[in-house]
Amino acid sequence: MSSKEARAVIGFEGKVAIVTGAGRGLGRSHALLLAERGAAVVVNDLGGALDGSGGSAEPAEAVAAEIRASGGRAVADDHDVASAAGAVAIVDSALEHFGQIDVVVNNAGVTGGRKSFADLSPDEFAAVLGPHLLGTANVTRAAWPAMASRGRGRVVNTTSGVGLWGMSHASAYAAAKMGIVGLTVSLAHEGAEAGIAVNAVAPIARTRMADGVFGSLDPHLDPSLVSSVVAYLAHDECTLSGRVLSAGAGRVAEVFIGTGPGLFDAALTPEELQTHVDRARDRTAYTVPDSAMAEVALTAACHGL
């Protein structure tokens, strides 16, 4: 027996998953894999254009029908995750049809178009934050009690390298996606008390949203390779929480925020920092605090506290 054959199968029999933005692209791939592995799936998709305009029940219905045609269980939902009421309706659908919620995959989002920050109106900025950041919070909040009451659950959020490292003409998208990182790591602390693990994936995949931006790498960016990471994070036996995994083209790597040893001077002045800014920026001996207060403790240690 090979080492691969000897490994436990990642299965979801008896589990119920909500996947948002599941009518196309990555979300569709996630929903299909979870269903193939035994999960009952609520396929949510507003069915709008990439800029968030319009809407149609057809994309969600098509994916749900595809799952049922393959012998799986699925229902379609076209509520808007950016609305708190819409998120509650998605969760109510899961409970009504399948009686429980075990997994939430927050994948819904829009591009908002490529505009400079100066040309982006407040309404346009908010329109991008809505489905990404607020949508992730809304659906997770609505599903949280159902998972906490059973003492277990898995939440997989979708961030992006655009948020982690930035990109010109994508400020709203970047802000939303980095906000999801903060939400993920904070909820991981709260989830530990309720048996709910919360992680995030930063996909690199061939989708209509990416629209061929990856050039020669594009043929290698099958969304299913990201879905494998999502399925792992969604499984009961995954013990990770508060983590961000970059995933694409078969490569998976943890992304983390660390802090260097830094510069310490109890009487710090602007001139002192100007002289020794390289010490403040030194990354050679970084640490990765596991909470905000753990990072504060590093400063306290400089004072012998």
C-alpha atoms as a PDB file:
ATOM      1  CA  MET A   1       0.000   0.000   0.000  1.00  0.00           C
ATOM      2  CA  SER A   2       1.392   3.412  -0.921  1.00  0.00           C
ATOM      3  CA  SER A   3       1.747   6.216   1.600  1.00  0.00           C
ATOM      4  CA  LYS A   4      -1.093   8.067  -0.120  1.00  0.00           C
ATOM      5  CA  GLU A   5      -3.376   5.034   0.089  1.00  0.00           C
ATOM      6  CA  ALA A   6      -2.562   4.629   3.794  1.00  0.00           C
ATOM      7  CA  ARG A   7      -3.792   8.112   4.694  1.00  0.00           C
ATOM      8  CA  ALA A   8      -7.253   8.657   6.150  1.00  0.00           C
ATOM      9  CA  VAL A   9      -9.752   9.875   3.563  1.00  0.00           C
ATOM     10  CA  ILE A  10     -10.975  13.432   4.014  1.00  0.00           C
ATOM     11  CA  GLY A  11     -14.704  12.778   4.020  1.00  0.00           C
ATOM     12  CA  PHE A  12     -17.786  14.831   4.913  1.00  0.00           C
ATOM     13  CA  GLU A  13     -20.494  12.213   5.239  1.00  0.00           C
ATOM     14  CA  GLY A  14     -23.228  13.491   7.536  1.00  0.00           C
ATOM     15  CA  LYS A  15     -21.909  17.056   7.331  1.00  0.00           C
ATOM     16  CA  VAL A  16     -23.627  20.174   6.063  1.00  0.00           C
ATOM     17  CA  ALA A  17     -21.710  22.955   4.342  1.00  0.00           C
ATOM     18  CA  ILE A  18     -22.629  26.463   3.255  1.00  0.00           C
ATOM     19  CA  VAL A  19     -20.527  27.755   0.358  1.00  0.00           C
ATOM     20  CA  THR A  20     -21.056  31.362  -0.688  1.00  0.00           C
ATOM     21  CA  GLY A  21     -20.252  32.609  -4.166  1.00  0.00           C
ATOM     22  CA  ALA A  22     -20.632  29.000  -5.281  1.00  0.00           C
ATOM     23  CA  GLY A  23     -22.308  29.554  -8.628  1.00  0.00           C
ATOM     24  CA  ARG A  24     -19.076  29.867 -10.559  1.00  0.00           C
ATOM     25  CA  GLY A  25     -15.288  29.595 -10.308  1.00  0.00           C
ATOM     26  CA  LEU A  26     -13.690  28.778  -6.997  1.00  0.00           C
ATOM     27  CA  GLY A  27     -16.948  28.566  -5.058  1.00  0.00           C
ATOM     28  CA  ARG A  28     -18.416  26.098  -7.522  1.00  0.00           C
ATOM     29  CA  SER A  29     -15.270  23.996  -7.278  1.00  0.00           C
ATOM     30  CA  HIS A  30     -15.425  24.044  -3.457  1.00  0.00           C
ATOM     31  CA  ALA A  31     -19.097  23.065  -3.446  1.00  0.00           C
ATOM     32  CA  LEU A  32     -18.585  20.211  -5.903  1.00  0.00           C
ATOM     33  CA  LEU A  33     -15.666  18.736  -3.964  1.00  0.00           C
ATOM     34  CA  LEU A  34     -17.413  18.927  -0.589  1.00  0.00           C
ATOM     35  CA  ALA A  35     -20.508  17.309  -2.114  1.00  0.00           C
ATOM     36  CA  GLU A  36     -18.422  14.626  -3.807  1.00  0.00           C
ATOM     37  CA  ARG A  37     -16.897  13.866  -0.406  1.00  0.00           C
ATOM     38  CA  GLY A  38     -20.337  13.449   1.170  1.00  0.00           C
ATOM     39  CA  ALA A  39     -21.451  16.855   2.415  1.00  0.00           C
ATOM     40  CA  ALA A  40     -24.898  18.291   1.898  1.00  0.00           C
ATOM     41  CA  VAL A  41     -24.301  21.741   0.428  1.00  0.00           C
ATOM     42  CA  VAL A  42     -26.149  25.028   0.424  1.00  0.00           C
ATOM     43  CA  VAL A  43     -24.978  26.568  -2.839  1.00  0.00           C
ATOM     44  CA  ASN A  44     -25.222  30.325  -2.370  1.00  0.00           C
ATOM     45  CA  ASP A  45     -24.701  32.807  -5.175  1.00  0.00           C
ATOM     46  CA  LEU A  46     -26.324  36.162  -5.864  1.00  0.00           C
ATOM     47  CA  GLY A  47     -25.702  35.567  -9.554  1.00  0.00           C
ATOM     48  CA  GLY A  48     -24.567  39.096 -10.306  1.00  0.00           C
ATOM     49  CA  ALA A  49     -21.881  40.573 -12.514  1.00  0.00           C
ATOM     50  CA  LEU A  50     -18.262  40.928 -11.395  1.00  0.00           C
ATOM     51  CA  ASP A  51     -18.911  44.509 -10.327  1.00  0.00           C
ATOM     52  CA  GLY A  52     -21.782  43.375  -8.113  1.00  0.00           C
ATOM     53  CA  SER A  53     -24.597  44.594 -10.335  1.00  0.00           C
ATOM     54  CA  GLY A  54     -27.602  42.519 -11.258  1.00  0.00           C
ATOM     55  CA  GLY A  55     -28.549  39.120  -9.964  1.00  0.00           C
ATOM     56  CA  SER A  56     -29.889  35.741 -11.035  1.00  0.00           C
ATOM     57  CA  ALA A  57     -30.799  32.503  -9.313  1.00  0.00           C
ATOM     58  CA  GLU A  58     -29.511  30.523 -12.285  1.00  0.00           C
ATOM     59  CA  PRO A  59     -25.815  30.032 -11.321  1.00  0.00           C
ATOM     60  CA  ALA A  60     -26.642  28.647  -7.868  1.00  0.00           C
ATOM     61  CA  GLU A  61     -29.455  26.509  -9.252  1.00  0.00           C
ATOM     62  CA  ALA A  62     -27.166  25.060 -11.929  1.00  0.00           C
ATOM     63  CA  VAL A  63     -24.499  24.000  -9.428  1.00  0.00           C
ATOM     64  CA  ALA A  64     -27.041  22.546  -7.007  1.00  0.00           C
ATOM     65  CA  ALA A  65     -28.597  20.598  -9.883  1.00  0.00           C
ATOM     66  CA  GLU A  66     -25.163  19.347 -10.914  1.00  0.00           C
ATOM     67  CA  ILE A  67     -24.545  18.047  -7.415  1.00  0.00           C
ATOM     68  CA  ARG A  68     -27.931  16.330  -7.230  1.00  0.00           C
ATOM     69  CA  ALA A  69     -27.435  14.779 -10.672  1.00  0.00           C
ATOM     70  CA  SER A  70     -24.251  13.161  -9.323  1.00  0.00           C
ATOM     71  CA  GLY A  71     -26.142  11.664  -6.394  1.00  0.00           C
ATOM     72  CA  GLY A  72     -25.326  14.366  -3.863  1.00  0.00           C
ATOM     73  CA  ARG A  73     -27.516  16.613  -1.741  1.00  0.00           C
ATOM     74  CA  ALA A  74     -27.715  20.332  -2.414  1.00  0.00           C
ATOM     75  CA  VAL A  75     -30.055  23.290  -2.378  1.00  0.00           C
ATOM     76  CA  ALA A  76     -29.589  26.595  -4.150  1.00  0.00           C
ATOM     77  CA  ASP A  77     -29.754  30.006  -2.497  1.00  0.00           C
ATOM     78  CA  ASP A  78     -29.458  33.453  -4.081  1.00  0.00           C
ATOM     79  CA  HIS A  79     -29.550  35.731  -1.025  1.00  0.00           C
ATOM     80  CA  ASP A  80     -27.066  38.585  -0.729  1.00  0.00           C
ATOM     81  CA  VAL A  81     -24.346  37.931   1.869  1.00  0.00           C
ATOM     82  CA  ALA A  82     -23.723  41.685   2.205  1.00  0.00           C
ATOM     83  CA  SER A  83     -27.103  41.913   3.927  1.00  0.00           C
ATOM     84  CA  ALA A  84     -27.377  40.653   7.494  1.00  0.00           C
ATOM     85  CA  ALA A  85     -30.912  39.489   6.711  1.00  0.00           C
ATOM     86  CA  GLY A  86     -29.653  37.709   3.611  1.00  0.00           C
ATOM     87  CA  ALA A  87     -27.042  35.858   5.664  1.00  0.00           C
ATOM     88  CA  VAL A  88     -29.689  34.745   8.149  1.00  0.00           C
ATOM     89  CA  ALA A  89     -31.808  33.466   5.269  1.00  0.00           C
ATOM     90  CA  ILE A  90     -28.871  31.395   3.966  1.00  0.00           C
ATOM     91  CA  VAL A  91     -28.368  29.815   7.369  1.00  0.00           C
ATOM     92  CA  ASP A  92     -32.104  29.240   7.793  1.00  0.00           C
ATOM     93  CA  SER A  93     -32.108  27.391   4.470  1.00  0.00           C
ATOM     94  CA  ALA A  94     -29.348  25.077   5.688  1.00  0.00           C
ATOM     95  CA  LEU A  95     -31.175  24.351   8.926  1.00  0.00           C
ATOM     96  CA  GLU A  96     -34.536  23.907   7.221  1.00  0.00           C
ATOM     97  CA  HIS A  97     -33.270  21.478   4.581  1.00  0.00           C
ATOM     98  CA  PHE A  98     -30.491  19.655   6.437  1.00  0.00           C
ATOM     99  CA  GLY A  99     -30.966  20.348  10.167  1.00  0.00           C
ATOM    100  CA  GLN A 100     -27.444  21.463  11.037  1.00  0.00           C
ATOM    101  CA  ILE A 101     -24.382  23.418   9.940  1.00  0.00           C
ATOM    102  CA  ASP A 102     -20.865  22.023  10.148  1.00  0.00           C
ATOM    103  CA  VAL A 103     -18.883  24.039   7.601  1.00  0.00           C
ATOM    104  CA  VAL A 104     -19.037  27.590   6.311  1.00  0.00           C
ATOM    105  CA  VAL A 105     -16.922  28.530   3.299  1.00  0.00           C
ATOM    106  CA  ASN A 106     -17.017  32.288   2.756  1.00  0.00           C
ATOM    107  CA  ASN A 107     -16.088  32.808  -0.877  1.00  0.00           C
ATOM    108  CA  ALA A 108     -18.498  35.437  -2.244  1.00  0.00           C
ATOM    109  CA  GLY A 109     -17.079  38.684  -3.567  1.00  0.00           C
ATOM    110  CA  VAL A 110     -16.846  41.217  -6.377  1.00  0.00           C
ATOM    111  CA  THR A 111     -13.970  42.982  -8.100  1.00  0.00           C
ATOM    112  CA  GLY A 112     -15.309  46.500  -8.032  1.00  0.00           C
ATOM    113  CA  GLY A 113     -13.236  47.333 -11.099  1.00  0.00           C
ATOM    114  CA  ARG A 114      -9.665  48.591 -11.315  1.00  0.00           C
ATOM    115  CA  LYS A 115      -9.667  52.248 -10.248  1.00  0.00           C
ATOM    116  CA  SER A 116      -7.107  54.438  -8.560  1.00  0.00           C
ATOM    117  CA  PHE A 117      -7.856  55.278  -4.939  1.00  0.00           C
ATOM    118  CA  ALA A 118      -8.331  58.945  -5.885  1.00  0.00           C
ATOM    119  CA  ASP A 119     -11.002  58.019  -8.444  1.00  0.00           C
ATOM    120  CA  LEU A 120     -12.861  55.572  -6.195  1.00  0.00           C
ATOM    121  CA  SER A 121     -16.003  57.063  -4.685  1.00  0.00           C
ATOM    122  CA  PRO A 122     -17.014  56.258  -1.090  1.00  0.00           C
ATOM    123  CA  ASP A 123     -19.991  54.280  -2.400  1.00  0.00           C
ATOM    124  CA  GLU A 124     -17.779  52.263  -4.751  1.00  0.00           C
ATOM    125  CA  PHE A 125     -15.369  51.521  -1.916  1.00  0.00           C
ATOM    126  CA  ALA A 126     -18.199  50.368   0.350  1.00  0.00           C
ATOM    127  CA  ALA A 127     -19.708  48.253  -2.436  1.00  0.00           C
ATOM    128  CA  VAL A 128     -16.545  46.132  -2.499  1.00  0.00           C
ATOM    129  CA  LEU A 129     -16.281  45.790   1.274  1.00  0.00           C
ATOM    130  CA  GLY A 130     -19.911  44.641   1.438  1.00  0.00           C
ATOM    131  CA  PRO A 131     -19.812  41.149  -0.075  1.00  0.00           C
ATOM    132  CA  HIS A 132     -16.213  40.425   0.928  1.00  0.00           C
ATOM    133  CA  LEU A 133     -15.691  41.640   4.490  1.00  0.00           C
ATOM    134  CA  LEU A 134     -19.246  42.233   5.706  1.00  0.00           C
ATOM    135  CA  GLY A 135     -20.481  39.172   3.845  1.00  0.00           C
ATOM    136  CA  THR A 136     -17.888  36.990   5.563  1.00  0.00           C
ATOM    137  CA  ALA A 137     -18.844  38.427   8.938  1.00  0.00           C
ATOM    138  CA  ASN A 138     -22.595  38.219   8.279  1.00  0.00           C
ATOM    139  CA  VAL A 139     -22.705  34.580   7.247  1.00  0.00           C
ATOM    140  CA  THR A 140     -20.272  33.490   9.956  1.00  0.00           C
ATOM    141  CA  ARG A 141     -22.245  35.375  12.610  1.00  0.00           C
ATOM    142  CA  ALA A 142     -25.511  33.839  11.464  1.00  0.00           C
ATOM    143  CA  ALA A 143     -24.080  30.307  11.426  1.00  0.00           C
ATOM    144  CA  TRP A 144     -22.055  30.597  14.637  1.00  0.00           C
ATOM    145  CA  PRO A 145     -24.820  29.671  17.133  1.00  0.00           C
ATOM    146  CA  ALA A 146     -25.755  26.538  15.192  1.00  0.00           C
ATOM    147  CA  MET A 147     -22.152  25.354  15.233  1.00  0.00           C
ATOM    148  CA  ALA A 148     -21.423  26.431  18.812  1.00  0.00           C
ATOM    149  CA  SER A 149     -24.510  24.629  20.118  1.00  0.00           C
ATOM    150  CA  ARG A 150     -23.033  21.371  18.813  1.00  0.00           C
ATOM    151  CA  GLY A 151     -19.536  22.170  20.079  1.00  0.00           C
ATOM    152  CA  ARG A 152     -17.866  22.027  16.690  1.00  0.00           C
ATOM    153  CA  GLY A 153     -17.601  23.743  13.350  1.00  0.00           C
ATOM    154  CA  ARG A 154     -15.230  24.863  10.631  1.00  0.00           C
ATOM    155  CA  VAL A 155     -15.089  28.262   8.924  1.00  0.00           C
ATOM    156  CA  VAL A 156     -12.905  28.818   5.868  1.00  0.00           C
ATOM    157  CA  ASN A 157     -12.613  32.416   4.718  1.00  0.00           C
ATOM    158  CA  THR A 158     -11.210  33.714   1.454  1.00  0.00           C
ATOM    159  CA  THR A 159      -8.515  36.375   1.532  1.00  0.00           C
ATOM    160  CA  SER A 160      -6.120  37.336  -1.261  1.00  0.00           C
ATOM    161  CA  GLY A 161      -2.517  38.143  -1.983  1.00  0.00           C
ATOM    162  CA  VAL A 162      -3.854  41.526  -3.090  1.00  0.00           C
ATOM    163  CA  GLY A 163      -4.759  42.219   0.526  1.00  0.00           C
ATOM    164  CA  LEU A 164      -1.656  40.612   1.979  1.00  0.00           C
ATOM    165  CA  TRP A 165       0.882  42.356  -0.257  1.00  0.00           C
ATOM    166  CA  GLY A 166      -1.046  45.010  -2.143  1.00  0.00           C
ATOM    167  CA  MET A 167      -1.701  45.909  -5.752  1.00  0.00           C
ATOM    168  CA  SER A 168      -2.103  49.207  -7.533  1.00  0.00           C
ATOM    169  CA  HIS A 169      -5.667  50.222  -8.413  1.00  0.00           C
ATOM    170  CA  ALA A 170      -7.171  47.672  -6.018  1.00  0.00           C
ATOM    171  CA  SER A 171      -7.382  49.527  -2.707  1.00  0.00           C
ATOM    172  CA  ALA A 172     -10.970  48.580  -1.834  1.00  0.00           C
ATOM    173  CA  TYR A 173     -10.441  44.918  -2.695  1.00  0.00           C
ATOM    174  CA  ALA A 174      -7.166  44.874  -0.744  1.00  0.00           C
ATOM    175  CA  ALA A 175      -8.755  46.509   2.303  1.00  0.00           C
ATOM    176  CA  ALA A 176     -11.606  44.019   2.281  1.00  0.00           C
ATOM    177  CA  LYS A 177      -9.324  41.021   1.937  1.00  0.00           C
ATOM    178  CA  MET A 178      -6.900  42.121   4.660  1.00  0.00           C
ATOM    179  CA  GLY A 179      -9.886  42.840   6.876  1.00  0.00           C
ATOM    180  CA  ILE A 180     -10.857  39.203   6.434  1.00  0.00           C
ATOM    181  CA  VAL A 181      -7.441  38.191   7.793  1.00  0.00           C
ATOM    182  CA  GLY A 182      -8.048  40.225  10.948  1.00  0.00           C
ATOM    183  CA  LEU A 183     -11.516  38.748  11.303  1.00  0.00           C
ATOM    184  CA  THR A 184     -10.144  35.236  10.821  1.00  0.00           C
ATOM    185  CA  VAL A 185      -7.415  35.428  13.460  1.00  0.00           C
ATOM    186  CA  SER A 186      -9.715  37.113  15.984  1.00  0.00           C
ATOM    187  CA  LEU A 187     -12.535  34.608  15.504  1.00  0.00           C
ATOM    188  CA  ALA A 188     -10.033  31.778  15.892  1.00  0.00           C
ATOM    189  CA  HIS A 189      -9.513  32.894  19.504  1.00  0.00           C
ATOM    190  CA  GLU A 190     -13.252  33.041  20.183  1.00  0.00           C
ATOM    191  CA  GLY A 191     -13.890  29.824  18.297  1.00  0.00           C
ATOM    192  CA  ALA A 192     -11.464  27.892  20.483  1.00  0.00           C
ATOM    193  CA  GLU A 193     -13.978  28.146  23.313  1.00  0.00           C
ATOM    194  CA  ALA A 194     -16.776  26.800  21.125  1.00  0.00           C
ATOM    195  CA  GLY A 195     -14.938  24.093  19.186  1.00  0.00           C
ATOM    196  CA  ILE A 196     -14.989  26.189  16.002  1.00  0.00           C
ATOM    197  CA  ALA A 197     -11.810  26.468  13.933  1.00  0.00           C
ATOM    198  CA  VAL A 198     -11.485  29.503  11.663  1.00  0.00           C
ATOM    199  CA  ASN A 199      -8.894  29.718   8.897  1.00  0.00           C
ATOM    200  CA  ALA A 200      -8.399  31.518   5.604  1.00  0.00           C
ATOM    201  CA  VAL A 201      -7.154  30.594   2.170  1.00  0.00           C
ATOM    202  CA  ALA A 202      -5.502  33.009  -0.262  1.00  0.00           C
ATOM    203  CA  PRO A 203      -6.220  31.479  -3.677  1.00  0.00           C
ATOM    204  CA  ILE A 204      -4.289  31.786  -6.908  1.00  0.00           C
ATOM    205  CA  ALA A 205      -6.651  30.312  -9.463  1.00  0.00           C
ATOM    206  CA  ARG A 206      -8.017  30.580 -12.966  1.00  0.00           C
ATOM    207  CA  THR A 207     -11.426  32.251 -12.604  1.00  0.00           C
ATOM    208  CA  ARG A 208     -13.518  34.874 -14.375  1.00  0.00           C
ATOM    209  CA  MET A 209     -12.501  37.332 -11.644  1.00  0.00           C
ATOM    210  CA  ALA A 210      -8.781  36.791 -12.329  1.00  0.00           C
ATOM    211  CA  ASP A 211      -9.439  37.091 -16.081  1.00  0.00           C
ATOM    212  CA  GLY A 212      -6.105  35.721 -17.303  1.00  0.00           C
ATOM    213  CA  VAL A 213      -3.900  38.033 -15.222  1.00  0.00           C
ATOM    214  CA  PHE A 214      -1.491  35.194 -14.418  1.00  0.00           C
ATOM    215  CA  GLY A 215      -0.122  34.820 -17.922  1.00  0.00           C
ATOM    216  CA  SER A 216       1.801  31.617 -18.613  1.00  0.00           C
ATOM    217  CA  LEU A 217       0.882  30.240 -15.178  1.00  0.00           C
ATOM    218  CA  ASP A 218      -2.820  30.311 -16.045  1.00  0.00           C
ATOM    219  CA  PRO A 219      -3.071  26.756 -17.480  1.00  0.00           C
ATOM    220  CA  HIS A 220      -1.762  25.385 -14.167  1.00  0.00           C
ATOM    221  CA  LEU A 221      -4.266  27.237 -11.992  1.00  0.00           C
ATOM    222  CA  ASP A 222      -7.132  24.776 -11.820  1.00  0.00           C
ATOM    223  CA  PRO A 223      -9.533  25.937  -9.060  1.00  0.00           C
ATOM    224  CA  SER A 224      -9.782  22.341  -7.811  1.00  0.00           C
ATOM    225  CA  LEU A 225      -6.227  22.626  -6.484  1.00  0.00           C
ATOM    226  CA  VAL A 226      -7.428  25.380  -4.152  1.00  0.00           C
ATOM    227  CA  SER A 227     -10.537  23.393  -3.253  1.00  0.00           C
ATOM    228  CA  SER A 228      -8.343  20.597  -1.904  1.00  0.00           C
ATOM    229  CA  VAL A 229      -6.926  23.070   0.615  1.00  0.00           C
ATOM    230  CA  VAL A 230     -10.401  24.306   1.518  1.00  0.00           C
ATOM    231  CA  ALA A 231     -11.584  20.734   2.097  1.00  0.00           C
ATOM    232  CA  TYR A 232      -8.620  20.039   4.364  1.00  0.00           C
ATOM    233  CA  LEU A 233      -9.290  23.160   6.436  1.00  0.00           C
ATOM    234  CA  ALA A 234     -12.999  22.296   6.597  1.00  0.00           C
ATOM    235  CA  HIS A 235     -12.447  18.807   7.972  1.00  0.00           C
ATOM    236  CA  ASP A 236     -12.953  17.888  11.633  1.00  0.00           C
ATOM    237  CA  GLU A 237      -9.466  16.407  11.910  1.00  0.00           C
ATOM    238  CA  CYS A 238      -7.765  19.637  10.845  1.00  0.00           C
ATOM    239  CA  THR A 239      -6.438  21.200  14.057  1.00  0.00           C
ATOM    240  CA  LEU A 240      -5.299  24.477  12.508  1.00  0.00           C
ATOM    241  CA  SER A 241      -7.066  27.681  13.479  1.00  0.00           C
ATOM    242  CA  GLY A 242      -6.232  31.321  12.874  1.00  0.00           C
ATOM    243  CA  ARG A 243      -4.030  30.422   9.916  1.00  0.00           C
ATOM    244  CA  VAL A 244      -3.773  31.750   6.379  1.00  0.00           C
ATOM    245  CA  LEU A 245      -2.716  29.348   3.631  1.00  0.00           C
ATOM    246  CA  SER A 246      -1.724  30.569   0.187  1.00  0.00           C
ATOM    247  CA  ALA A 247      -2.864  28.033  -2.394  1.00  0.00           C
ATOM    248  CA  GLY A 248      -2.512  27.769  -6.141  1.00  0.00           C
ATOM    249  CA  ALA A 249      -1.231  25.487  -8.901  1.00  0.00           C
ATOM    250  CA  GLY A 250      -0.479  22.759  -6.355  1.00  0.00           C
ATOM    251  CA  ARG A 251       1.629  24.953  -4.050  1.00  0.00           C
ATOM    252  CA  VAL A 252       0.454  25.495  -0.461  1.00  0.00           C
ATOM    253  CA  ALA A 253       2.294  27.736   1.993  1.00  0.00           C
ATOM    254  CA  GLU A 254       1.400  29.412   5.261  1.00  0.00           C
ATOM    255  CA  VAL A 255       1.357  33.210   5.235  1.00  0.00           C
ATOM    256  CA  PHE A 256       2.016  34.859   8.573  1.00  0.00           C
ATOM    257  CA  ILE A 257       2.684  38.223  10.178  1.00  0.00           C
ATOM    258  CA  GLY A 258       5.848  38.375  12.257  1.00  0.00           C
ATOM    259  CA  THR A 259       7.832  40.972  14.116  1.00  0.00           C
ATOM    260  CA  GLY A 260      11.570  41.498  14.242  1.00  0.00           C
ATOM    261  CA  PRO A 261      13.662  42.018  17.399  1.00  0.00           C
ATOM    262  CA  GLY A 262      13.397  45.751  16.828  1.00  0.00           C
ATOM    263  CA  LEU A 263      15.160  48.813  18.182  1.00  0.00           C
ATOM    264  CA  PHE A 264      14.743  49.693  21.858  1.00  0.00           C
ATOM    265  CA  ASP A 265      15.582  52.995  23.521  1.00  0.00           C
ATOM    266  CA  ALA A 266      13.613  54.048  26.591  1.00  0.00           C
ATOM    267  CA  ALA A 267      14.182  57.668  25.593  1.00  0.00           C
ATOM    268  CA  LEU A 268      13.553  57.225  21.877  1.00  0.00           C
ATOM    269  CA  THR A 269      13.703  60.340  19.697  1.00  0.00           C
ATOM    270  CA  PRO A 270      12.986  60.819  15.991  1.00  0.00           C
ATOM    271  CA  GLU A 271      16.718  61.316  15.436  1.00  0.00           C
ATOM    272  CA  GLU A 272      17.566  58.049  17.158  1.00  0.00           C
ATOM    273  CA  LEU A 273      15.136  56.186  14.913  1.00  0.00           C
ATOM    274  CA  GLN A 274      16.512  57.978  11.859  1.00  0.00           C
ATOM    275  CA  THR A 275      20.019  56.803  12.764  1.00  0.00           C
ATOM    276  CA  HIS A 276      19.058  53.210  13.548  1.00  0.00           C
ATOM    277  CA  VAL A 277      15.987  52.567  11.394  1.00  0.00           C
ATOM    278  CA  ASP A 278      17.689  49.507   9.887  1.00  0.00           C
ATOM    279  CA  ARG A 279      17.668  47.895  13.318  1.00  0.00           C
ATOM    280  CA  ALA A 280      13.958  48.605  13.648  1.00  0.00           C
ATOM    281  CA  ARG A 281      13.427  46.955  10.266  1.00  0.00           C
ATOM    282  CA  ASP A 282      15.631  43.902  10.895  1.00  0.00           C
ATOM    283  CA  ARG A 283      13.813  40.680   9.958  1.00  0.00           C
ATOM    284  CA  THR A 284      16.594  38.187  10.602  1.00  0.00           C
ATOM    285  CA  ALA A 285      15.296  36.930  13.964  1.00  0.00           C
ATOM    286  CA  TYR A 286      11.553  37.433  13.715  1.00  0.00           C
ATOM    287  CA  THR A 287       8.931  35.930  15.976  1.00  0.00           C
ATOM    288  CA  VAL A 288       5.268  35.240  15.235  1.00  0.00           C
ATOM    289  CA  PRO A 289       3.074  36.331  18.175  1.00  0.00           C
ATOM    290  CA  ASP A 290      -0.061  34.235  18.620  1.00  0.00           C
ATOM    291  CA  SER A 291      -2.165  37.214  19.712  1.00  0.00           C
ATOM    292  CA  ALA A 292      -2.069  41.006  19.934  1.00  0.00           C
ATOM    293  CA  MET A 293      -1.183  40.853  23.631  1.00  0.00           C
ATOM    294  CA  ALA A 294       1.662  38.441  22.909  1.00  0.00           C
ATOM    295  CA  GLU A 295       3.159  41.160  20.704  1.00  0.00           C
ATOM    296  CA  VAL A 296       2.665  43.697  23.515  1.00  0.00           C
ATOM    297  CA  ALA A 297       4.569  41.331  25.803  1.00  0.00           C
ATOM    298  CA  LEU A 298       7.645  41.744  23.593  1.00  0.00           C
ATOM    299  CA  THR A 299       7.642  45.468  24.342  1.00  0.00           C
ATOM    300  CA  ALA A 300       7.055  44.825  28.028  1.00  0.00           C
ATOM    301  CA  ALA A 301      10.069  42.520  28.066  1.00  0.00           C
ATOM    302  CA  CYS A 302      12.271  45.396  26.855  1.00  0.00           C
ATOM    303  CA  HIS A 303      11.388  47.146  30.104  1.00  0.00           C
ATOM    304  CA  GLY A 304      11.994  44.037  32.175  1.00  0.00           C
ATOM    305  CA  LEU A 305       8.290  43.615  32.868  1.00  0.00           C
END
